Protein backbone atom coordinates (compact mmCIF):
# COMPACT_ATOMS: atom_id res chain seq x y z
CA MET A 1 -0.32 0.18 0.23
CA ARG A 2 0.94 2.98 -0.82
CA ILE A 3 0.85 6.20 1.06
CA SER A 4 1.34 9.96 0.85
CA MET A 5 2.72 12.41 3.59
CA THR A 6 3.65 16.05 3.84
CA HIS A 7 5.44 18.14 6.69
CA PRO A 8 3.53 21.11 8.04
CA THR A 9 5.83 23.48 7.45
CA THR A 10 7.63 23.13 4.01
CA HIS A 11 4.58 21.24 2.40
CA ALA A 12 6.99 19.21 0.78
CA VAL A 13 4.98 15.28 0.34
CA LYS A 14 6.35 12.22 0.16
CA GLN A 15 5.54 9.35 -1.14
CA THR A 16 6.38 5.67 0.17
CA LYS A 17 5.39 2.20 0.38
CA ILE A 18 4.32 0.03 3.65
CA GLY A 19 6.04 -3.03 3.79
CA PHE A 20 8.74 -4.98 2.08
CA SER A 21 10.86 -3.22 0.20
CA TRP A 22 11.39 -4.65 -3.64
CA THR A 23 13.39 -1.76 -5.08
CA THR A 24 15.81 -2.04 -1.69
CA PHE A 25 15.80 -5.95 -2.64
CA PHE A 26 17.13 -5.49 -6.14
CA PHE A 27 19.20 -2.16 -6.22
CA GLY A 28 20.59 -2.74 -2.43
CA PHE A 29 21.84 0.83 -1.55
CA PHE A 30 20.52 2.88 -4.62
CA PRO A 31 16.87 3.63 -3.55
CA ALA A 32 17.91 5.11 -0.29
CA LEU A 33 19.79 7.28 -2.53
CA LEU A 34 17.19 8.61 -4.89
CA ARG A 35 14.71 9.59 -1.47
CA GLY A 36 18.15 11.61 -0.42
CA ASP A 37 17.98 9.26 2.60
CA TRP A 38 22.21 9.68 3.08
CA LYS A 39 22.02 7.97 6.36
CA TRP A 40 20.48 4.60 5.69
CA ALA A 41 22.15 5.02 1.91
CA LEU A 42 25.57 4.91 4.00
CA ILE A 43 24.54 2.77 6.59
CA ILE A 44 23.38 0.38 3.96
CA ALA A 45 26.44 0.77 1.65
CA VAL A 46 29.21 0.09 3.80
CA LEU A 47 27.41 -3.12 4.73
CA GLN A 48 26.97 -4.22 1.83
CA ILE A 49 31.11 -3.39 0.72
CA GLY A 50 32.49 -4.44 4.08
CA THR A 51 30.71 -7.72 4.15
CA GLY A 52 31.19 -8.37 0.84
CA THR A 53 34.35 -7.96 0.14
CA PHE A 54 35.50 -10.21 3.28
CA THR A 55 32.61 -13.27 1.56
CA TRP A 56 33.58 -12.54 -1.95
CA GLY A 57 29.64 -10.77 -2.25
CA ILE A 58 27.58 -13.69 -1.78
CA SER A 59 26.84 -11.35 2.03
CA ILE A 60 25.52 -8.34 0.04
CA GLY A 61 22.31 -10.74 -1.16
CA LEU A 62 21.40 -11.66 2.50
CA ILE A 63 21.65 -7.63 3.35
CA SER A 64 19.95 -6.45 0.80
CA ILE A 65 17.50 -9.59 1.56
CA ILE A 66 17.37 -7.92 5.34
CA PHE A 67 16.97 -4.34 4.76
CA ALA A 68 14.26 -4.97 2.08
CA PHE A 69 12.33 -6.62 5.19
CA VAL A 70 13.15 -3.37 6.99
CA TYR A 71 13.80 -0.15 5.13
CA ASN A 72 10.70 1.35 4.25
CA ARG A 73 9.33 1.24 8.27
CA LEU A 74 12.55 2.78 8.85
CA TYR A 75 11.66 5.26 6.91
CA ILE A 76 8.96 5.56 7.40
CA ASN A 77 9.80 7.14 10.61
CA GLU A 78 12.45 8.64 9.89
CA LEU A 79 9.95 11.18 8.05
CA ILE A 80 7.74 11.04 11.95
CA ASN A 81 10.64 11.64 13.47
CA HIS A 82 11.36 15.04 11.00
CA GLY A 83 7.48 16.53 10.89
CA PHE A 84 6.06 15.02 8.42
CA ALA A 85 2.05 13.31 8.87
CA PRO A 86 -0.19 11.58 6.79
CA SER A 87 -1.69 13.61 3.43
CA ASP A 88 -5.61 12.22 3.39
CA GLN A 89 -7.11 10.14 5.98
CA ALA A 90 -6.41 6.66 3.85
CA SER A 91 -2.68 7.63 4.99
CA ALA A 92 -3.50 8.06 8.48
CA ASP A 93 -5.71 4.68 8.51
CA ALA A 94 -3.05 2.97 6.77
CA LEU A 95 -0.30 4.18 9.39
CA ARG A 96 -2.06 3.73 11.57
CA ALA A 97 -3.17 -0.30 10.93
CA LYS A 98 0.73 -0.55 10.68
CA ASN A 99 1.41 0.92 14.73
CA PHE A 100 3.36 4.35 12.81
CA LEU A 101 0.73 5.89 14.38
CA HIS A 102 -1.69 5.53 17.79
């Protein structure tokens, strides 16, 4: 399910999915990089490159699988911590159903 979040002062709108991140699964740290999520892009890249050099690249796939399950949750939590709020009632309901909002 896609949700839309808006920052109240800058009126910036971010859209993202809730749940499994297929883009992170296939492309590693690039989705975080393209979203402007520099912190998680750097963390994922360092983990993939750092561990991949010692395991001949095997751990890159493992790290992509792990972050595919958690990255969208991390990204949404970062948006909420930076002041973003749901843009519409459907997004708010979806975030409440997945325990992002109380």
